[in-house]
């Protein structure tokens, strides 16, 4: 799109979906301590 190309035709209508996806954000923090951030070397 940044190059000026149009979106593919099949995206102009409602896009069909397949299955289900779930994402989690793995964070360096301690939820039991008020989500206190953690730092250090990830061995």
ModelCIF file with pLDDT and N, C-alpha, C, O atoms, coordinates in Angstrom:
data_MODEL
#
_entry.id   MODEL 
#
_entity.id                         1 
_entity.type                       polymer 
_entity.pdbx_number_of_molecules   1 
#
_entity_poly.entity_id                      1 
_entity_poly.type                           'polypeptide(L)' 
_entity_poly.nstd_linkage                   no 
_entity_poly.nstd_monomer                   no 
_entity_poly.pdbx_seq_one_letter_code       
;(UNK)(UNK)(UNK)(UNK)(UNK)(UNK)(UNK)(UNK)(UNK)(UNK)(UNK)(UNK)(UNK)(UNK)(UNK)(UNK)
(UNK)(UNK)(UNK)(UNK)(UNK)(UNK)(UNK)(UNK)(UNK)(UNK)(UNK)(UNK)(UNK)(UNK)(UNK)(UNK)
(UNK)(UNK)(UNK)(UNK)(UNK)(UNK)(UNK)(UNK)(UNK)(UNK)(UNK)
;
_entity_poly.pdbx_seq_one_letter_code_can   XXXXXXXXXXXXXXXXXXXXXXXXXXXXXXXXXXXXXXXXXXX 
_entity_poly.pdbx_strand_id                 A 
#
loop_
_entity_poly_seq.entity_id 
_entity_poly_seq.num 
_entity_poly_seq.mon_id 
_entity_poly_seq.hetero 
1 1  UNK n 
1 2  UNK n 
1 3  UNK n 
1 4  UNK n 
1 5  UNK n 
1 6  UNK n 
1 7  UNK n 
1 8  UNK n 
1 9  UNK n 
1 10 UNK n 
1 11 UNK n 
1 12 UNK n 
1 13 UNK n 
1 14 UNK n 
1 15 UNK n 
1 16 UNK n 
1 17 UNK n 
1 18 UNK n 
1 19 UNK n 
1 20 UNK n 
1 21 UNK n 
1 22 UNK n 
1 23 UNK n 
1 24 UNK n 
1 25 UNK n 
1 26 UNK n 
1 27 UNK n 
1 28 UNK n 
1 29 UNK n 
1 30 UNK n 
1 31 UNK n 
1 32 UNK n 
1 33 UNK n 
1 34 UNK n 
1 35 UNK n 
1 36 UNK n 
1 37 UNK n 
1 38 UNK n 
1 39 UNK n 
1 40 UNK n 
1 41 UNK n 
1 42 UNK n 
1 43 UNK n 
#
_struct_asym.id          A 
_struct_asym.entity_id   1 
#
loop_
_ma_qa_metric.id 
_ma_qa_metric.mode 
_ma_qa_metric.name 
_ma_qa_metric.software_group_id 
_ma_qa_metric.type 
1 global pLDDT . pLDDT 
2 local  pLDDT . pLDDT 
#
_ma_qa_metric_global.metric_id      1 
_ma_qa_metric_global.metric_value   94.02 
_ma_qa_metric_global.model_id       1 
_ma_qa_metric_global.ordinal_id     1 
#
loop_
_ma_qa_metric_local.label_asym_id 
_ma_qa_metric_local.label_comp_id 
_ma_qa_metric_local.label_seq_id 
_ma_qa_metric_local.metric_id 
_ma_qa_metric_local.metric_value 
_ma_qa_metric_local.model_id 
_ma_qa_metric_local.ordinal_id 
A UNK 1  2 98.00 1 1  
A UNK 2  2 98.00 1 2  
A UNK 3  2 98.00 1 3  
A UNK 4  2 97.00 1 4  
A UNK 5  2 97.00 1 5  
A UNK 6  2 97.00 1 6  
A UNK 7  2 96.00 1 7  
A UNK 8  2 94.00 1 8  
A UNK 9  2 92.00 1 9  
A UNK 10 2 90.00 1 10 
A UNK 11 2 92.00 1 11 
A UNK 12 2 88.00 1 12 
A UNK 13 2 85.00 1 13 
A UNK 14 2 83.00 1 14 
A UNK 15 2 87.00 1 15 
A UNK 16 2 88.00 1 16 
A UNK 17 2 92.00 1 17 
A UNK 18 2 93.00 1 18 
A UNK 19 2 96.00 1 19 
A UNK 20 2 97.00 1 20 
A UNK 21 2 97.00 1 21 
A UNK 22 2 98.00 1 22 
A UNK 23 2 98.00 1 23 
A UNK 24 2 98.00 1 24 
A UNK 25 2 98.00 1 25 
A UNK 26 2 98.00 1 26 
A UNK 27 2 98.00 1 27 
A UNK 28 2 97.00 1 28 
A UNK 29 2 96.00 1 29 
A UNK 30 2 95.00 1 30 
A UNK 31 2 96.00 1 31 
A UNK 32 2 92.00 1 32 
A UNK 33 2 89.00 1 33 
A UNK 34 2 89.00 1 34 
A UNK 35 2 92.00 1 35 
A UNK 36 2 90.00 1 36 
A UNK 37 2 91.00 1 37 
A UNK 38 2 93.00 1 38 
A UNK 39 2 93.00 1 39 
A UNK 40 2 94.00 1 40 
A UNK 41 2 97.00 1 41 
A UNK 42 2 98.00 1 42 
A UNK 43 2 98.00 1 43 
#
loop_
_atom_site.group_PDB 
_atom_site.id 
_atom_site.type_symbol 
_atom_site.label_atom_id 
_atom_site.label_alt_id 
_atom_site.label_comp_id 
_atom_site.label_asym_id 
_atom_site.label_entity_id 
_atom_site.label_seq_id 
_atom_site.pdbx_PDB_ins_code 
_atom_site.Cartn_x 
_atom_site.Cartn_y 
_atom_site.Cartn_z 
_atom_site.occupancy 
_atom_site.B_iso_or_equiv 
_atom_site.pdbx_formal_charge 
_atom_site.auth_seq_id 
_atom_site.auth_comp_id 
_atom_site.auth_asym_id 
_atom_site.auth_atom_id 
_atom_site.pdbx_PDB_model_num 
ATOM 1   N N  . UNK A 1 1  ? 0.842   -1.202  0.000  1.00 98.00 ? 1  UNK A N  1 
ATOM 2   C CA . UNK A 1 1  ? 0.000   0.000   0.000  1.00 98.00 ? 1  UNK A CA 1 
ATOM 3   C C  . UNK A 1 1  ? 0.876   1.251   0.000  1.00 98.00 ? 1  UNK A C  1 
ATOM 4   O O  . UNK A 1 1  ? 0.558   2.230   -0.675 1.00 98.00 ? 1  UNK A O  1 
ATOM 5   N N  . UNK A 1 2  ? 1.974   1.223   0.752  1.00 98.00 ? 2  UNK A N  1 
ATOM 6   C CA . UNK A 1 2  ? 2.890   2.370   0.762  1.00 98.00 ? 2  UNK A CA 1 
ATOM 7   C C  . UNK A 1 2  ? 3.497   2.616   -0.612 1.00 98.00 ? 2  UNK A C  1 
ATOM 8   O O  . UNK A 1 2  ? 3.850   3.748   -0.945 1.00 98.00 ? 2  UNK A O  1 
ATOM 9   N N  . UNK A 1 3  ? 3.619   1.565   -1.404 1.00 98.00 ? 3  UNK A N  1 
ATOM 10  C CA . UNK A 1 3  ? 4.135   1.694   -2.773 1.00 98.00 ? 3  UNK A CA 1 
ATOM 11  C C  . UNK A 1 3  ? 3.062   2.138   -3.761 1.00 98.00 ? 3  UNK A C  1 
ATOM 12  O O  . UNK A 1 3  ? 3.343   2.334   -4.944 1.00 98.00 ? 3  UNK A O  1 
ATOM 13  N N  . UNK A 1 4  ? 1.817   2.298   -3.268 1.00 97.00 ? 4  UNK A N  1 
ATOM 14  C CA . UNK A 1 4  ? 0.731   2.760   -4.126 1.00 97.00 ? 4  UNK A CA 1 
ATOM 15  C C  . UNK A 1 4  ? -0.127  1.671   -4.713 1.00 97.00 ? 4  UNK A C  1 
ATOM 16  O O  . UNK A 1 4  ? -1.017  1.957   -5.514 1.00 97.00 ? 4  UNK A O  1 
ATOM 17  N N  . UNK A 1 5  ? 0.114   0.418   -4.334 1.00 97.00 ? 5  UNK A N  1 
ATOM 18  C CA . UNK A 1 5  ? -0.668  -0.696  -4.875 1.00 97.00 ? 5  UNK A CA 1 
ATOM 19  C C  . UNK A 1 5  ? -2.056  -0.730  -4.230 1.00 97.00 ? 5  UNK A C  1 
ATOM 20  O O  . UNK A 1 5  ? -2.201  -0.374  -3.061 1.00 97.00 ? 5  UNK A O  1 
ATOM 21  N N  . UNK A 1 6  ? -3.075  -1.155  -4.982 1.00 97.00 ? 6  UNK A N  1 
ATOM 22  C CA . UNK A 1 6  ? -4.410  -1.311  -4.391 1.00 97.00 ? 6  UNK A CA 1 
ATOM 23  C C  . UNK A 1 6  ? -4.479  -2.586  -3.560 1.00 97.00 ? 6  UNK A C  1 
ATOM 24  O O  . UNK A 1 6  ? -3.709  -3.522  -3.777 1.00 97.00 ? 6  UNK A O  1 
ATOM 25  N N  . UNK A 1 7  ? -5.412  -2.615  -2.605 1.00 96.00 ? 7  UNK A N  1 
ATOM 26  C CA . UNK A 1 7  ? -5.635  -3.836  -1.838 1.00 96.00 ? 7  UNK A CA 1 
ATOM 27  C C  . UNK A 1 7  ? -6.170  -4.928  -2.756 1.00 96.00 ? 7  UNK A C  1 
ATOM 28  O O  . UNK A 1 7  ? -6.910  -4.630  -3.693 1.00 96.00 ? 7  UNK A O  1 
ATOM 29  N N  . UNK A 1 8  ? -5.813  -6.181  -2.508 1.00 94.00 ? 8  UNK A N  1 
ATOM 30  C CA . UNK A 1 8  ? -6.348  -7.273  -3.330 1.00 94.00 ? 8  UNK A CA 1 
ATOM 31  C C  . UNK A 1 8  ? -7.874  -7.269  -3.332 1.00 94.00 ? 8  UNK A C  1 
ATOM 32  O O  . UNK A 1 8  ? -8.506  -6.888  -2.346 1.00 94.00 ? 8  UNK A O  1 
ATOM 33  N N  . UNK A 1 9  ? -8.449  -7.690  -4.435 1.00 92.00 ? 9  UNK A N  1 
ATOM 34  C CA . UNK A 1 9  ? -9.907  -7.666  -4.609 1.00 92.00 ? 9  UNK A CA 1 
ATOM 35  C C  . UNK A 1 9  ? -10.636 -8.443  -3.519 1.00 92.00 ? 9  UNK A C  1 
ATOM 36  O O  . UNK A 1 9  ? -11.700 -8.022  -3.066 1.00 92.00 ? 9  UNK A O  1 
ATOM 37  N N  . UNK A 1 10 ? -10.070 -9.578  -3.092 1.00 90.00 ? 10 UNK A N  1 
ATOM 38  C CA . UNK A 1 10 ? -10.798 -10.420 -2.141 1.00 90.00 ? 10 UNK A CA 1 
ATOM 39  C C  . UNK A 1 10 ? -10.906 -9.788  -0.760 1.00 90.00 ? 10 UNK A C  1 
ATOM 40  O O  . UNK A 1 10 ? -11.631 -10.298 0.093  1.00 90.00 ? 10 UNK A O  1 
ATOM 41  N N  . UNK A 1 11 ? -10.195 -8.682  -0.522 1.00 92.00 ? 11 UNK A N  1 
ATOM 42  C CA . UNK A 1 11 ? -10.298 -8.005  0.764  1.00 92.00 ? 11 UNK A CA 1 
ATOM 43  C C  . UNK A 1 11 ? -11.371 -6.917  0.767  1.00 92.00 ? 11 UNK A C  1 
ATOM 44  O O  . UNK A 1 11 ? -11.662 -6.343  1.815  1.00 92.00 ? 11 UNK A O  1 
ATOM 45  N N  . UNK A 1 12 ? -11.952 -6.635  -0.374 1.00 88.00 ? 12 UNK A N  1 
ATOM 46  C CA . UNK A 1 12 ? -12.940 -5.559  -0.446 1.00 88.00 ? 12 UNK A CA 1 
ATOM 47  C C  . UNK A 1 12 ? -14.236 -5.934  0.265  1.00 88.00 ? 12 UNK A C  1 
ATOM 48  O O  . UNK A 1 12 ? -14.950 -5.059  0.754  1.00 88.00 ? 12 UNK A O  1 
ATOM 49  N N  . UNK A 1 13 ? -14.540 -7.221  0.325  1.00 85.00 ? 13 UNK A N  1 
ATOM 50  C CA . UNK A 1 13 ? -15.728 -7.680  1.026  1.00 85.00 ? 13 UNK A CA 1 
ATOM 51  C C  . UNK A 1 13 ? -15.325 -8.226  2.398  1.00 85.00 ? 13 UNK A C  1 
ATOM 52  O O  . UNK A 1 13 ? -14.142 -8.242  2.738  1.00 85.00 ? 13 UNK A O  1 
ATOM 53  N N  . UNK A 1 14 ? -16.292 -8.664  3.170  1.00 83.00 ? 14 UNK A N  1 
ATOM 54  C CA . UNK A 1 14 ? -15.992 -9.251  4.462  1.00 83.00 ? 14 UNK A CA 1 
ATOM 55  C C  . UNK A 1 14 ? -15.066 -10.452 4.264  1.00 83.00 ? 14 UNK A C  1 
ATOM 56  O O  . UNK A 1 14 ? -15.333 -11.319 3.432  1.00 83.00 ? 14 UNK A O  1 
ATOM 57  N N  . UNK A 1 15 ? -13.998 -10.495 5.019  1.00 87.00 ? 15 UNK A N  1 
ATOM 58  C CA . UNK A 1 15 ? -12.993 -11.531 4.851  1.00 87.00 ? 15 UNK A CA 1 
ATOM 59  C C  . UNK A 1 15 ? -13.407 -12.789 5.602  1.00 87.00 ? 15 UNK A C  1 
ATOM 60  O O  . UNK A 1 15 ? -13.820 -12.724 6.760  1.00 87.00 ? 15 UNK A O  1 
ATOM 61  N N  . UNK A 1 16 ? -13.294 -13.942 4.931  1.00 88.00 ? 16 UNK A N  1 
ATOM 62  C CA . UNK A 1 16 ? -13.624 -15.212 5.571  1.00 88.00 ? 16 UNK A CA 1 
ATOM 63  C C  . UNK A 1 16 ? -12.538 -15.586 6.571  1.00 88.00 ? 16 UNK A C  1 
ATOM 64  O O  . UNK A 1 16 ? -11.364 -15.272 6.375  1.00 88.00 ? 16 UNK A O  1 
ATOM 65  N N  . UNK A 1 17 ? -12.941 -16.259 7.645  1.00 92.00 ? 17 UNK A N  1 
ATOM 66  C CA . UNK A 1 17 ? -11.982 -16.661 8.673  1.00 92.00 ? 17 UNK A CA 1 
ATOM 67  C C  . UNK A 1 17 ? -11.904 -18.174 8.733  1.00 92.00 ? 17 UNK A C  1 
ATOM 68  O O  . UNK A 1 17 ? -12.803 -18.885 8.286  1.00 92.00 ? 17 UNK A O  1 
ATOM 69  N N  . UNK A 1 18 ? -10.801 -18.644 9.299  1.00 93.00 ? 18 UNK A N  1 
ATOM 70  C CA . UNK A 1 18 ? -10.583 -20.084 9.481  1.00 93.00 ? 18 UNK A CA 1 
ATOM 71  C C  . UNK A 1 18 ? -10.097 -20.310 10.914 1.00 93.00 ? 18 UNK A C  1 
ATOM 72  O O  . UNK A 1 18 ? -9.130  -19.689 11.355 1.00 93.00 ? 18 UNK A O  1 
ATOM 73  N N  . UNK A 1 19 ? -10.769 -21.194 11.623 1.00 96.00 ? 19 UNK A N  1 
ATOM 74  C CA . UNK A 1 19 ? -10.305 -21.580 12.944 1.00 96.00 ? 19 UNK A CA 1 
ATOM 75  C C  . UNK A 1 19 ? -10.266 -20.449 13.956 1.00 96.00 ? 19 UNK A C  1 
ATOM 76  O O  . UNK A 1 19 ? -11.024 -19.483 13.873 1.00 96.00 ? 19 UNK A O  1 
ATOM 77  N N  . UNK A 1 20 ? -9.349  -20.599 14.925 1.00 97.00 ? 20 UNK A N  1 
ATOM 78  C CA . UNK A 1 20 ? -9.280  -19.665 16.045 1.00 97.00 ? 20 UNK A CA 1 
ATOM 79  C C  . UNK A 1 20 ? -7.821  -19.475 16.446 1.00 97.00 ? 20 UNK A C  1 
ATOM 80  O O  . UNK A 1 20 ? -7.033  -20.420 16.432 1.00 97.00 ? 20 UNK A O  1 
ATOM 81  N N  . UNK A 1 21 ? -7.473  -18.237 16.806 1.00 97.00 ? 21 UNK A N  1 
ATOM 82  C CA . UNK A 1 21 ? -6.106  -17.920 17.228 1.00 97.00 ? 21 UNK A CA 1 
ATOM 83  C C  . UNK A 1 21 ? -6.135  -17.180 18.559 1.00 97.00 ? 21 UNK A C  1 
ATOM 84  O O  . UNK A 1 21 ? -6.994  -16.327 18.787 1.00 97.00 ? 21 UNK A O  1 
ATOM 85  N N  . UNK A 1 22 ? -5.199  -17.510 19.426 1.00 98.00 ? 22 UNK A N  1 
ATOM 86  C CA . UNK A 1 22 ? -5.039  -16.836 20.718 1.00 98.00 ? 22 UNK A CA 1 
ATOM 87  C C  . UNK A 1 22 ? -3.574  -16.459 20.880 1.00 98.00 ? 22 UNK A C  1 
ATOM 88  O O  . UNK A 1 22 ? -2.681  -17.268 20.627 1.00 98.00 ? 22 UNK A O  1 
ATOM 89  N N  . UNK A 1 23 ? -3.339  -15.222 21.303 1.00 98.00 ? 23 UNK A N  1 
ATOM 90  C CA . UNK A 1 23 ? -1.984  -14.724 21.536 1.00 98.00 ? 23 UNK A CA 1 
ATOM 91  C C  . UNK A 1 23 ? -1.840  -14.309 22.985 1.00 98.00 ? 23 UNK A C  1 
ATOM 92  O O  . UNK A 1 23 ? -2.770  -13.761 23.576 1.00 98.00 ? 23 UNK A O  1 
ATOM 93  N N  . UNK A 1 24 ? -0.679  -14.568 23.557 1.00 98.00 ? 24 UNK A N  1 
ATOM 94  C CA . UNK A 1 24 ? -0.358  -14.051 24.884 1.00 98.00 ? 24 UNK A CA 1 
ATOM 95  C C  . UNK A 1 24 ? 0.915   -13.232 24.794 1.00 98.00 ? 24 UNK A C  1 
ATOM 96  O O  . UNK A 1 24 ? 1.794   -13.501 23.976 1.00 98.00 ? 24 UNK A O  1 
ATOM 97  N N  . UNK A 1 25 ? 0.995   -12.216 25.662 1.00 98.00 ? 25 UNK A N  1 
ATOM 98  C CA . UNK A 1 25 ? 2.198   -11.397 25.742 1.00 98.00 ? 25 UNK A CA 1 
ATOM 99  C C  . UNK A 1 25 ? 3.016   -11.887 26.941 1.00 98.00 ? 25 UNK A C  1 
ATOM 100 O O  . UNK A 1 25 ? 2.611   -11.733 28.093 1.00 98.00 ? 25 UNK A O  1 
ATOM 101 N N  . UNK A 1 26 ? 4.148   -12.465 26.646 1.00 98.00 ? 26 UNK A N  1 
ATOM 102 C CA . UNK A 1 26 ? 5.046   -12.955 27.676 1.00 98.00 ? 26 UNK A CA 1 
ATOM 103 C C  . UNK A 1 26 ? 5.929   -11.793 28.114 1.00 98.00 ? 26 UNK A C  1 
ATOM 104 O O  . UNK A 1 26 ? 6.721   -11.271 27.329 1.00 98.00 ? 26 UNK A O  1 
ATOM 105 N N  . UNK A 1 27 ? 5.786   -11.395 29.371 1.00 98.00 ? 27 UNK A N  1 
ATOM 106 C CA . UNK A 1 27 ? 6.440   -10.180 29.857 1.00 98.00 ? 27 UNK A CA 1 
ATOM 107 C C  . UNK A 1 27 ? 7.388   -10.479 31.008 1.00 98.00 ? 27 UNK A C  1 
ATOM 108 O O  . UNK A 1 27 ? 7.177   -11.415 31.779 1.00 98.00 ? 27 UNK A O  1 
ATOM 109 N N  . UNK A 1 28 ? 8.436   -9.667  31.113 1.00 97.00 ? 28 UNK A N  1 
ATOM 110 C CA . UNK A 1 28 ? 9.385   -9.757  32.227 1.00 97.00 ? 28 UNK A CA 1 
ATOM 111 C C  . UNK A 1 28 ? 8.826   -8.943  33.382 1.00 97.00 ? 28 UNK A C  1 
ATOM 112 O O  . UNK A 1 28 ? 9.129   -7.759  33.525 1.00 97.00 ? 28 UNK A O  1 
ATOM 113 N N  . UNK A 1 29 ? 8.011   -9.586  34.201 1.00 96.00 ? 29 UNK A N  1 
ATOM 114 C CA . UNK A 1 29 ? 7.369   -8.906  35.317 1.00 96.00 ? 29 UNK A CA 1 
ATOM 115 C C  . UNK A 1 29 ? 6.854   -9.934  36.296 1.00 96.00 ? 29 UNK A C  1 
ATOM 116 O O  . UNK A 1 29 ? 6.722   -11.113 35.967 1.00 96.00 ? 29 UNK A O  1 
ATOM 117 N N  . UNK A 1 30 ? 6.566   -9.482  37.493 1.00 95.00 ? 30 UNK A N  1 
ATOM 118 C CA . UNK A 1 30 ? 6.077   -10.355 38.551 1.00 95.00 ? 30 UNK A CA 1 
ATOM 119 C C  . UNK A 1 30 ? 4.646   -9.964  38.894 1.00 95.00 ? 30 UNK A C  1 
ATOM 120 O O  . UNK A 1 30 ? 4.441   -8.999  39.630 1.00 95.00 ? 30 UNK A O  1 
ATOM 121 N N  . UNK A 1 31 ? 3.645   -10.689 38.378 1.00 96.00 ? 31 UNK A N  1 
ATOM 122 C CA . UNK A 1 31 ? 2.248   -10.334 38.652 1.00 96.00 ? 31 UNK A CA 1 
ATOM 123 C C  . UNK A 1 31 ? 1.907   -10.331 40.132 1.00 96.00 ? 31 UNK A C  1 
ATOM 124 O O  . UNK A 1 31 ? 1.075   -9.538  40.572 1.00 96.00 ? 31 UNK A O  1 
ATOM 125 N N  . UNK A 1 32 ? 2.540   -11.212 40.910 1.00 92.00 ? 32 UNK A N  1 
ATOM 126 C CA . UNK A 1 32 ? 2.229   -11.295 42.339 1.00 92.00 ? 32 UNK A CA 1 
ATOM 127 C C  . UNK A 1 32 ? 2.741   -10.093 43.112 1.00 92.00 ? 32 UNK A C  1 
ATOM 128 O O  . UNK A 1 32 ? 2.336   -9.875  44.254 1.00 92.00 ? 32 UNK A O  1 
ATOM 129 N N  . UNK A 1 33 ? 3.627   -9.309  42.507 1.00 89.00 ? 33 UNK A N  1 
ATOM 130 C CA . UNK A 1 33 ? 4.167   -8.105  43.143 1.00 89.00 ? 33 UNK A CA 1 
ATOM 131 C C  . UNK A 1 33 ? 3.706   -6.851  42.398 1.00 89.00 ? 33 UNK A C  1 
ATOM 132 O O  . UNK A 1 33 ? 4.492   -5.936  42.154 1.00 89.00 ? 33 UNK A O  1 
ATOM 133 N N  . UNK A 1 34 ? 2.437   -6.827  42.048 1.00 89.00 ? 34 UNK A N  1 
ATOM 134 C CA . UNK A 1 34 ? 1.886   -5.662  41.359 1.00 89.00 ? 34 UNK A CA 1 
ATOM 135 C C  . UNK A 1 34 ? 2.453   -5.477  39.965 1.00 89.00 ? 34 UNK A C  1 
ATOM 136 O O  . UNK A 1 34 ? 2.598   -4.350  39.492 1.00 89.00 ? 34 UNK A O  1 
ATOM 137 N N  . UNK A 1 35 ? 2.779   -6.601  39.292 1.00 92.00 ? 35 UNK A N  1 
ATOM 138 C CA . UNK A 1 35 ? 3.352   -6.575  37.932 1.00 92.00 ? 35 UNK A CA 1 
ATOM 139 C C  . UNK A 1 35 ? 4.679   -5.821  37.908 1.00 92.00 ? 35 UNK A C  1 
ATOM 140 O O  . UNK A 1 35 ? 4.997   -5.131  36.940 1.00 92.00 ? 35 UNK A O  1 
ATOM 141 N N  . UNK A 1 36 ? 5.431   -5.961  38.963 1.00 90.00 ? 36 UNK A N  1 
ATOM 142 C CA . UNK A 1 36 ? 6.718   -5.280  39.046 1.00 90.00 ? 36 UNK A CA 1 
ATOM 143 C C  . UNK A 1 36 ? 7.629   -5.758  37.920 1.00 90.00 ? 36 UNK A C  1 
ATOM 144 O O  . UNK A 1 36 ? 7.831   -6.964  37.776 1.00 90.00 ? 36 UNK A O  1 
ATOM 145 N N  . UNK A 1 37 ? 8.186   -4.849  37.114 1.00 91.00 ? 37 UNK A N  1 
ATOM 146 C CA . UNK A 1 37 ? 9.057   -5.256  36.012 1.00 91.00 ? 37 UNK A CA 1 
ATOM 147 C C  . UNK A 1 37 ? 10.305  -5.967  36.518 1.00 91.00 ? 37 UNK A C  1 
ATOM 148 O O  . UNK A 1 37 ? 10.777  -5.716  37.627 1.00 91.00 ? 37 UNK A O  1 
ATOM 149 N N  . UNK A 1 38 ? 10.825  -6.851  35.688 1.00 93.00 ? 38 UNK A N  1 
ATOM 150 C CA . UNK A 1 38 ? 12.043  -7.580  36.026 1.00 93.00 ? 38 UNK A CA 1 
ATOM 151 C C  . UNK A 1 38 ? 13.101  -7.282  34.978 1.00 93.00 ? 38 UNK A C  1 
ATOM 152 O O  . UNK A 1 38 ? 12.783  -7.012  33.820 1.00 93.00 ? 38 UNK A O  1 
ATOM 153 N N  . UNK A 1 39 ? 14.343  -7.331  35.384 1.00 93.00 ? 39 UNK A N  1 
ATOM 154 C CA . UNK A 1 39 ? 15.450  -7.076  34.472 1.00 93.00 ? 39 UNK A CA 1 
ATOM 155 C C  . UNK A 1 39 ? 16.555  -8.080  34.753 1.00 93.00 ? 39 UNK A C  1 
ATOM 156 O O  . UNK A 1 39 ? 16.590  -8.697  35.818 1.00 93.00 ? 39 UNK A O  1 
ATOM 157 N N  . UNK A 1 40 ? 17.460  -8.241  33.790 1.00 94.00 ? 40 UNK A N  1 
ATOM 158 C CA . UNK A 1 40 ? 18.571  -9.165  33.968 1.00 94.00 ? 40 UNK A CA 1 
ATOM 159 C C  . UNK A 1 40 ? 18.881  -9.891  32.679 1.00 94.00 ? 40 UNK A C  1 
ATOM 160 O O  . UNK A 1 40 ? 18.418  -9.512  31.603 1.00 94.00 ? 40 UNK A O  1 
ATOM 161 N N  . UNK A 1 41 ? 19.677  -10.948 32.806 1.00 97.00 ? 41 UNK A N  1 
ATOM 162 C CA . UNK A 1 41 ? 20.073  -11.745 31.649 1.00 97.00 ? 41 UNK A CA 1 
ATOM 163 C C  . UNK A 1 41 ? 19.112  -12.920 31.497 1.00 97.00 ? 41 UNK A C  1 
ATOM 164 O O  . UNK A 1 41 ? 18.861  -13.655 32.452 1.00 97.00 ? 41 UNK A O  1 
ATOM 165 N N  . UNK A 1 42 ? 18.583  -13.087 30.309 1.00 98.00 ? 42 UNK A N  1 
ATOM 166 C CA . UNK A 1 42 ? 17.697  -14.209 30.012 1.00 98.00 ? 42 UNK A CA 1 
ATOM 167 C C  . UNK A 1 42 ? 18.584  -15.382 29.587 1.00 98.00 ? 42 UNK A C  1 
ATOM 168 O O  . UNK A 1 42 ? 18.927  -15.516 28.412 1.00 98.00 ? 42 UNK A O  1 
ATOM 169 N N  . UNK A 1 43 ? 18.945  -16.215 30.536 1.00 98.00 ? 43 UNK A N  1 
ATOM 170 C CA . UNK A 1 43 ? 19.916  -17.272 30.271 1.00 98.00 ? 43 UNK A CA 1 
ATOM 171 C C  . UNK A 1 43 ? 19.383  -18.323 29.307 1.00 98.00 ? 43 UNK A C  1 
ATOM 172 O O  . UNK A 1 43 ? 20.088  -19.280 28.986 1.00 98.00 ? 43 UNK A O  1 
#
